[in-house]
Amino acid sequence: MNMKRIVMTLTALMVLLCGISAQDAWSPADKHQYNDETVVYATLQLNTWSVGYANQDYSVAAFIGDECRAVAEAPVAGDNGQTVFVARVLGDREADKGKPVRFEIRYNPNGFGLVYDVTPSAAVTFDGESWGQPSQPIVLRGPGYTGGATFGFNPAVINVGEQVDIVSLFRGSAMPKYFTVSLSDESVASLDGTVVTGLKPGVVQFTVRFPGFSLGNTITVVLTATGLNILNDELRIDIDKPETLQPKLDAAYEILPEGTTDVVAWLIDDEGIVSRDAEGRLIPRAVGDTYVTPVVLADDGSVRLRPADGRRIHVIVYENVPLQRFEYAFNEHPYNHETVQMTLTPVPANATFDISDLRFRYTADYGWEQQWDIVNFELVS
């Protein structure tokens, strides 16, 4: 076997071992490396209740530093009927004397392997003797597995640029140790350890893999509006053409920043003039005018955002009455390049017309024609 093949084989083995973190962490030290032991008698109290007699679903491990020095795979019956775990903690009476011993428990049913930190009722150190007795074991207190609907992860909604720690989404008494996390789409959100950062609007699935099973939920990334800007202060709507109203309203404002996933709602001063239909469009109801304000609502229906300058959109609903003619009279005789005043009266009086499109041609008494552009117009009711 050449050196290249040896190196490649060792590298593959190392990656494999690192991938089994829970099993690797609970691999007890070789008993031939140590000459002494401290015996710990312990019982469990998880989520304020004590584990029953001869509960085979739990194991206990003891550590000095990060090294596993003992694993008690199954409990035994203590002198007073309690369930007692006996952990024979390996060590060296001189080198390990006085070092603290910490404990983990593992919940093992159905191939699980949920590991939790537990705290002993007395601070245990290595001394080569024993801690607790079969009749008076120390108590290892911790969260433990609650099971059922309480064990899982909640969904989350974050803004672009915001972060959420998946551990904070855990639904249960405590997050077990030894797990891996992955995301379904890292273009929507990035993952650093257990911290997810929103990158762009979208929905991403996160998966938390424990030994024996996986759980997860969704994180929705949104781009929340920070401003509303009115672009058009006035909208004129033909009451006979309600389908034209919605596009005009959409063009009357902008929501900032561009690309936001927020939805605009409308506050209407007079719903007798315009109202909303089932699809959210504003529909004209009667000739007249009212004011409409675009707003962004919070989840509870309250107004979260409105135009900062207090501006609103003046909506005028009119009836399109064809113009037949104008009746007009000059206040004085017009001459070339002179400004004159004239009074225009539309027929019928409520006829619809656009002032900017008006042009007049004047015929003098002596037969020549002159076109006059209207350069100023004042509407007198």
Protein backbone atom coordinates (compact mmCIF):
# COMPACT_ATOMS: atom_id res chain seq x y z
CA MET A 1 0.00 0.00 0.00
CA ASN A 2 1.56 3.31 -1.05
CA MET A 3 1.57 6.51 1.05
CA LYS A 4 -1.07 8.25 -1.07
CA ARG A 5 -3.53 5.44 -0.49
CA ILE A 6 -2.80 5.39 3.25
CA VAL A 7 -3.46 9.13 3.61
CA MET A 8 -6.71 8.89 1.67
CA THR A 9 -7.92 5.97 3.79
CA LEU A 10 -7.19 7.78 7.06
CA THR A 11 -8.92 10.94 5.87
CA ALA A 12 -12.08 9.05 4.95
CA LEU A 13 -12.11 7.38 8.36
CA MET A 14 -11.75 10.70 10.18
CA VAL A 15 -14.67 12.24 8.31
CA LEU A 16 -16.82 9.23 9.10
CA LEU A 17 -16.10 9.48 12.82
CA CYS A 18 -16.78 13.21 12.93
CA GLY A 19 -20.14 12.62 11.32
CA ILE A 20 -21.34 10.49 14.29
CA SER A 21 -20.97 13.20 16.94
CA ALA A 22 -23.40 11.81 19.53
CA GLN A 23 -21.98 8.29 19.43
CA ASP A 24 -18.44 9.61 19.37
CA ALA A 25 -19.03 11.84 22.40
CA TRP A 26 -20.46 8.94 24.37
CA SER A 27 -17.64 6.53 23.55
CA PRO A 28 -16.14 5.76 26.99
CA ALA A 29 -12.42 5.96 27.57
CA ASP A 30 -10.35 2.78 27.44
CA LYS A 31 -10.37 1.39 30.98
CA HIS A 32 -6.79 0.19 30.50
CA GLN A 33 -5.64 3.83 30.36
CA TYR A 34 -6.73 4.52 33.96
CA ASN A 35 -6.02 2.74 37.20
CA ASP A 36 -8.65 4.31 39.44
CA GLU A 37 -12.36 5.03 39.48
CA THR A 38 -14.95 7.11 41.31
CA VAL A 39 -18.29 5.37 41.68
CA VAL A 40 -21.38 7.58 41.38
CA TYR A 41 -24.84 6.37 42.43
CA ALA A 42 -27.49 8.58 40.84
CA THR A 43 -31.19 8.79 40.15
CA LEU A 44 -32.97 11.03 37.65
CA GLN A 45 -35.43 13.83 38.17
CA LEU A 46 -36.57 15.16 34.79
CA ASN A 47 -39.09 17.96 34.30
CA THR A 48 -39.73 17.84 38.08
CA TRP A 49 -40.76 14.16 38.01
CA SER A 50 -38.63 11.15 38.91
CA VAL A 51 -37.96 8.40 36.42
CA GLY A 52 -39.76 5.23 37.50
CA TYR A 53 -38.32 1.95 38.62
CA ALA A 54 -36.09 0.07 36.12
CA ASN A 55 -36.66 2.58 33.30
CA GLN A 56 -34.60 1.16 30.45
CA ASP A 57 -35.20 4.15 28.14
CA TYR A 58 -32.46 6.27 29.75
CA SER A 59 -28.68 6.07 29.98
CA VAL A 60 -26.24 8.24 31.93
CA ALA A 61 -22.75 9.34 30.88
CA ALA A 62 -20.08 10.99 33.03
CA PHE A 63 -17.39 13.31 31.64
CA ILE A 64 -14.17 14.88 32.88
CA GLY A 65 -13.60 17.76 30.53
CA ASP A 66 -14.81 16.60 27.11
CA GLU A 67 -13.77 12.99 27.62
CA CYS A 68 -16.40 10.39 28.42
CA ARG A 69 -15.19 8.43 31.44
CA ALA A 70 -18.29 6.28 32.15
CA VAL A 71 -21.57 5.16 30.62
CA ALA A 72 -24.32 3.58 32.73
CA GLU A 73 -26.53 1.95 30.12
CA ALA A 74 -29.29 0.64 32.39
CA PRO A 75 -30.50 1.46 35.88
CA VAL A 76 -30.69 -0.97 38.79
CA ALA A 77 -32.98 -1.09 41.78
CA GLY A 78 -31.66 0.78 44.79
CA ASP A 79 -32.01 -0.32 48.40
CA ASN A 80 -35.26 1.65 48.87
CA GLY A 81 -36.79 0.73 45.52
CA GLN A 82 -35.54 3.78 43.63
CA THR A 83 -34.15 3.48 40.14
CA VAL A 84 -30.39 4.00 40.46
CA PHE A 85 -27.72 4.41 37.80
CA VAL A 86 -24.21 3.29 38.75
CA ALA A 87 -21.49 5.18 36.85
CA ARG A 88 -17.93 4.00 37.37
CA VAL A 89 -15.98 7.10 36.39
CA LEU A 90 -12.47 6.20 35.22
CA GLY A 91 -9.50 8.37 36.11
CA ASP A 92 -6.19 8.78 37.79
CA ARG A 93 -6.23 9.39 41.54
CA GLU A 94 -3.38 11.89 41.29
CA ALA A 95 -3.83 13.54 37.84
CA ASP A 96 -7.64 13.82 38.04
CA LYS A 97 -8.03 14.50 41.75
CA GLY A 98 -10.53 17.30 42.38
CA LYS A 99 -11.58 17.66 38.73
CA PRO A 100 -15.33 18.25 38.28
CA VAL A 101 -17.45 15.50 36.80
CA ARG A 102 -20.35 16.54 34.57
CA PHE A 103 -23.24 14.39 33.43
CA GLU A 104 -25.44 13.86 30.39
CA ILE A 105 -28.48 11.65 29.96
CA ARG A 106 -29.68 9.99 26.79
CA TYR A 107 -33.27 9.06 25.97
CA ASN A 108 -33.08 5.88 23.89
CA PRO A 109 -36.52 4.50 22.84
CA ASN A 110 -37.12 3.34 19.25
CA GLY A 111 -33.60 4.12 18.14
CA PHE A 112 -33.69 7.74 19.34
CA GLY A 113 -30.64 9.22 20.98
CA LEU A 114 -31.74 12.50 22.52
CA VAL A 115 -29.03 13.80 24.82
CA TYR A 116 -29.51 16.41 27.55
CA ASP A 117 -27.25 18.05 30.11
CA VAL A 118 -28.22 17.35 33.71
CA THR A 119 -27.08 18.94 36.95
CA PRO A 120 -26.18 16.84 40.01
CA SER A 121 -27.67 17.72 43.38
CA ALA A 122 -24.11 17.83 44.71
CA ALA A 123 -20.98 19.01 42.88
CA VAL A 124 -19.21 15.77 41.99
CA THR A 125 -15.41 15.70 41.69
CA PHE A 126 -13.04 12.82 40.98
CA ASP A 127 -11.57 11.47 44.21
CA GLY A 128 -11.16 7.73 43.66
CA GLU A 129 -13.92 7.02 46.18
CA SER A 130 -17.73 7.15 45.72
CA TRP A 131 -20.54 9.69 45.56
CA GLY A 132 -23.96 8.73 46.86
CA GLN A 133 -25.09 5.30 48.00
CA PRO A 134 -27.58 2.77 46.62
CA SER A 135 -29.97 3.89 49.38
CA GLN A 136 -29.15 7.62 49.04
CA PRO A 137 -28.17 8.39 45.45
CA ILE A 138 -27.40 11.87 44.26
CA VAL A 139 -30.09 13.39 42.00
CA LEU A 140 -29.42 14.34 38.38
CA ARG A 141 -31.89 17.07 37.46
CA GLY A 142 -32.68 18.19 33.91
CA PRO A 143 -35.33 18.81 31.26
CA GLY A 144 -35.58 15.43 29.57
CA TYR A 145 -37.86 14.40 26.73
CA THR A 146 -41.49 15.54 26.98
CA GLY A 147 -42.71 13.93 23.77
CA GLY A 148 -46.00 14.42 21.96
CA ALA A 149 -47.10 17.72 20.46
CA THR A 150 -44.82 19.69 22.78
CA PHE A 151 -41.70 18.35 21.09
CA GLY A 152 -40.92 20.08 17.81
CA PHE A 153 -40.13 23.41 16.18
CA ASN A 154 -42.23 26.50 15.59
CA PRO A 155 -42.23 28.31 12.24
CA ALA A 156 -40.68 31.76 12.01
CA VAL A 157 -41.03 34.93 9.95
CA ILE A 158 -37.99 37.20 9.58
CA ASN A 159 -37.21 40.24 7.50
CA VAL A 160 -34.45 40.40 4.91
CA GLY A 161 -31.24 40.92 6.88
CA GLU A 162 -32.72 39.69 10.17
CA GLN A 163 -31.59 36.57 12.00
CA VAL A 164 -33.23 33.81 14.00
CA ASP A 165 -31.59 31.03 16.01
CA ILE A 166 -33.27 27.70 15.29
CA VAL A 167 -32.68 26.69 18.91
CA SER A 168 -35.07 29.50 19.93
CA LEU A 169 -37.77 27.90 17.74
CA PHE A 170 -37.66 24.62 19.64
CA ARG A 171 -40.96 23.71 21.24
CA GLY A 172 -40.32 21.64 24.35
CA SER A 173 -38.65 21.73 27.73
CA ALA A 174 -35.13 21.98 26.32
CA MET A 175 -33.27 21.47 23.07
CA PRO A 176 -31.41 18.14 22.99
CA LYS A 177 -27.69 18.09 22.27
CA TYR A 178 -25.94 16.55 19.24
CA PHE A 179 -27.85 17.46 16.09
CA THR A 180 -27.26 18.88 12.63
CA VAL A 181 -29.22 21.58 10.78
CA SER A 182 -29.79 22.10 7.06
CA LEU A 183 -31.82 24.48 4.86
CA SER A 184 -33.72 23.63 1.70
CA ASP A 185 -32.68 26.81 -0.16
CA GLU A 186 -29.65 28.84 0.90
CA SER A 187 -30.40 31.49 -1.73
CA VAL A 188 -33.39 32.56 0.41
CA ALA A 189 -31.56 32.33 3.75
CA SER A 190 -28.05 31.48 4.92
CA LEU A 191 -27.08 29.18 7.78
CA ASP A 192 -24.25 29.68 10.25
CA GLY A 193 -24.37 26.96 12.88
CA THR A 194 -27.95 27.28 14.08
CA VAL A 195 -28.40 30.95 13.08
CA VAL A 196 -30.45 31.67 9.95
CA THR A 197 -30.16 35.03 8.14
CA GLY A 198 -32.79 36.20 5.64
CA LEU A 199 -31.37 37.01 2.20
CA LYS A 200 -34.42 37.55 -0.02
CA PRO A 201 -38.21 37.08 0.17
CA GLY A 202 -39.26 33.44 0.10
CA VAL A 203 -39.93 30.35 2.21
CA VAL A 204 -37.22 27.94 3.28
CA GLN A 205 -37.56 24.59 5.05
CA PHE A 206 -35.15 23.87 7.90
CA THR A 207 -34.44 20.32 9.04
CA VAL A 208 -32.94 19.36 12.41
CA ARG A 209 -31.55 15.83 12.43
CA PHE A 210 -31.25 14.04 15.76
CA PRO A 211 -29.94 10.48 16.09
CA GLY A 212 -32.76 8.30 14.77
CA PHE A 213 -35.18 10.93 13.40
CA SER A 214 -35.60 14.44 12.01
CA LEU A 215 -37.86 17.41 12.74
CA GLY A 216 -38.26 20.83 11.16
CA ASN A 217 -40.53 23.62 10.01
CA THR A 218 -40.44 26.68 7.75
CA ILE A 219 -38.86 30.12 7.93
CA THR A 220 -40.56 32.78 5.84
CA VAL A 221 -38.34 35.65 4.74
CA VAL A 222 -40.17 38.90 3.99
CA LEU A 223 -39.17 42.36 2.89
CA THR A 224 -41.09 44.67 5.19
CA ALA A 225 -42.19 48.08 3.99
CA THR A 226 -40.53 51.05 5.65
CA GLY A 227 -42.32 53.83 3.79
CA LEU A 228 -45.28 54.80 1.60
CA ASN A 229 -45.04 57.55 -0.97
CA ILE A 230 -48.01 59.18 -2.73
CA LEU A 231 -47.27 59.66 -6.43
CA ASN A 232 -50.63 61.01 -7.63
CA ASP A 233 -52.72 63.25 -5.38
CA GLU A 234 -55.85 63.07 -7.52
CA LEU A 235 -57.62 60.33 -9.44
CA ARG A 236 -60.66 60.90 -11.64
CA ILE A 237 -62.81 57.80 -12.13
CA ASP A 238 -65.62 57.28 -14.61
CA ILE A 239 -68.47 55.71 -12.68
CA ASP A 240 -69.38 53.68 -15.76
CA LYS A 241 -65.89 52.13 -15.99
CA PRO A 242 -65.00 50.69 -12.55
CA GLU A 243 -62.47 48.29 -14.06
CA THR A 244 -60.13 51.21 -14.68
CA LEU A 245 -59.94 52.15 -11.02
CA GLN A 246 -57.59 49.50 -9.65
CA PRO A 247 -54.69 50.09 -12.08
CA LYS A 248 -54.90 53.82 -11.41
CA LEU A 249 -54.76 53.26 -7.66
CA ASP A 250 -51.76 50.96 -8.03
CA ALA A 251 -50.00 53.74 -9.93
CA ALA A 252 -50.94 56.38 -7.37
CA TYR A 253 -48.49 55.25 -4.66
CA GLU A 254 -45.26 53.36 -4.16
CA ILE A 255 -44.34 51.15 -1.25
CA LEU A 256 -40.72 51.28 -0.07
CA PRO A 257 -38.40 49.50 -0.44
CA GLU A 258 -39.08 48.13 -3.90
CA GLY A 259 -39.92 44.44 -3.85
CA THR A 260 -41.58 44.48 -0.42
CA THR A 261 -43.93 41.62 0.37
CA ASP A 262 -46.29 43.81 2.40
CA VAL A 263 -49.83 44.35 1.12
CA VAL A 264 -51.48 47.75 0.90
CA ALA A 265 -54.96 48.25 2.31
CA TRP A 266 -57.16 51.29 1.80
CA LEU A 267 -58.81 53.63 4.30
CA ILE A 268 -61.85 55.22 2.63
CA ASP A 269 -63.38 58.39 4.06
CA ASP A 270 -66.76 57.96 2.36
CA GLU A 271 -67.70 54.45 1.23
CA GLY A 272 -70.84 55.86 -0.35
CA ILE A 273 -68.59 57.24 -3.10
CA VAL A 274 -66.21 54.30 -3.46
CA SER A 275 -65.99 50.94 -1.69
CA ARG A 276 -63.96 47.73 -1.88
CA ASP A 277 -65.16 44.58 -3.58
CA ALA A 278 -64.38 40.97 -2.62
CA GLU A 279 -61.14 41.09 -4.60
CA GLY A 280 -59.94 44.20 -2.81
CA ARG A 281 -60.53 46.61 -5.68
CA LEU A 282 -62.00 50.06 -5.08
CA ILE A 283 -65.30 50.36 -6.92
CA PRO A 284 -67.11 53.67 -7.59
CA ARG A 285 -70.61 53.81 -6.09
CA ALA A 286 -71.86 57.35 -6.68
CA VAL A 287 -70.83 60.58 -8.35
CA GLY A 288 -68.88 62.72 -5.92
CA ASP A 289 -65.48 62.83 -4.28
CA THR A 290 -63.79 61.35 -1.26
CA TYR A 291 -60.28 60.72 0.09
CA VAL A 292 -58.49 57.38 0.15
CA THR A 293 -55.33 56.58 2.12
CA PRO A 294 -53.05 53.61 1.35
CA VAL A 295 -51.80 51.89 4.52
CA VAL A 296 -49.89 48.76 5.52
CA LEU A 297 -51.60 46.69 8.20
CA ALA A 298 -50.00 44.70 11.01
CA ASP A 299 -50.94 41.08 11.68
CA ASP A 300 -53.62 42.16 14.16
CA GLY A 301 -55.27 44.44 11.59
CA SER A 302 -53.98 47.69 13.05
CA VAL A 303 -52.32 50.29 10.83
CA ARG A 304 -48.56 49.71 10.87
CA LEU A 305 -47.57 52.21 8.21
CA ARG A 306 -49.17 55.19 6.47
CA PRO A 307 -47.76 57.98 4.27
CA ALA A 308 -45.42 59.92 6.53
CA ASP A 309 -46.41 63.33 5.15
CA GLY A 310 -50.11 62.73 5.79
CA ARG A 311 -50.95 62.96 2.10
CA ARG A 312 -54.01 61.20 0.73
CA ILE A 313 -55.42 60.46 -2.70
CA HIS A 314 -58.37 62.62 -3.77
CA VAL A 315 -60.71 60.31 -5.68
CA ILE A 316 -63.29 62.03 -7.89
CA VAL A 317 -66.05 59.87 -9.30
CA TYR A 318 -67.79 61.46 -12.28
CA GLU A 319 -70.42 60.53 -14.79
CA ASN A 320 -69.33 60.77 -18.40
CA VAL A 321 -71.91 63.07 -20.09
CA PRO A 322 -71.17 63.74 -23.79
CA LEU A 323 -70.52 67.37 -24.66
CA GLN A 324 -72.81 68.68 -27.38
CA ARG A 325 -71.49 72.19 -27.80
CA PHE A 326 -70.28 75.32 -26.02
CA GLU A 327 -72.17 78.53 -25.85
CA TYR A 328 -69.79 81.44 -25.50
CA ALA A 329 -69.63 85.19 -25.50
CA PHE A 330 -66.67 87.58 -25.78
CA ASN A 331 -66.31 90.21 -23.12
CA GLU A 332 -64.58 92.33 -25.76
CA HIS A 333 -63.75 92.11 -29.46
CA PRO A 334 -60.58 90.00 -30.04
CA TYR A 335 -57.70 91.20 -32.18
CA ASN A 336 -54.62 89.39 -33.37
CA HIS A 337 -52.02 88.77 -30.63
CA GLU A 338 -54.29 90.16 -27.98
CA THR A 339 -55.63 88.44 -24.89
CA VAL A 340 -59.36 88.52 -24.61
CA GLN A 341 -61.85 87.06 -22.16
CA MET A 342 -64.77 84.89 -23.12
CA THR A 343 -67.42 82.98 -21.21
CA LEU A 344 -67.95 79.30 -22.07
CA THR A 345 -71.09 77.44 -21.12
CA PRO A 346 -71.10 73.67 -21.83
CA VAL A 347 -74.26 72.13 -23.15
CA PRO A 348 -75.44 70.12 -21.32
CA ALA A 349 -74.23 71.87 -18.18
CA ASN A 350 -72.79 68.64 -16.61
CA ALA A 351 -70.97 67.57 -19.77
CA THR A 352 -67.53 65.96 -19.41
CA PHE A 353 -64.62 67.51 -21.26
CA ASP A 354 -60.87 68.02 -21.01
CA ILE A 355 -59.84 71.67 -20.81
CA SER A 356 -56.37 71.04 -22.26
CA ASP A 357 -57.81 69.81 -25.52
CA LEU A 358 -59.93 72.88 -26.26
CA ARG A 359 -59.15 74.89 -29.41
CA PHE A 360 -61.25 77.66 -30.98
CA ARG A 361 -61.49 79.17 -34.42
CA TYR A 362 -62.86 82.69 -34.70
CA THR A 363 -64.48 83.99 -37.90
CA ALA A 364 -64.49 87.77 -38.22
CA ASP A 365 -67.35 89.75 -39.74
CA TYR A 366 -65.25 90.54 -42.80
CA GLY A 367 -64.66 86.88 -43.62
CA TRP A 368 -61.13 85.82 -42.54
CA GLU A 369 -60.43 83.09 -40.00
CA GLN A 370 -57.99 83.05 -37.12
CA GLN A 371 -57.22 80.15 -34.76
CA TRP A 372 -56.98 81.06 -31.10
CA ASP A 373 -55.22 78.90 -28.51
CA ILE A 374 -56.47 79.08 -24.96
CA VAL A 375 -53.49 79.98 -22.80
CA ASN A 376 -55.37 80.58 -19.58
CA PHE A 377 -58.66 79.20 -18.33
CA GLU A 378 -60.54 79.96 -15.14
CA LEU A 379 -63.55 77.84 -14.28
CA VAL A 380 -66.34 79.93 -12.74
CA SER A 381 -69.24 78.01 -11.30
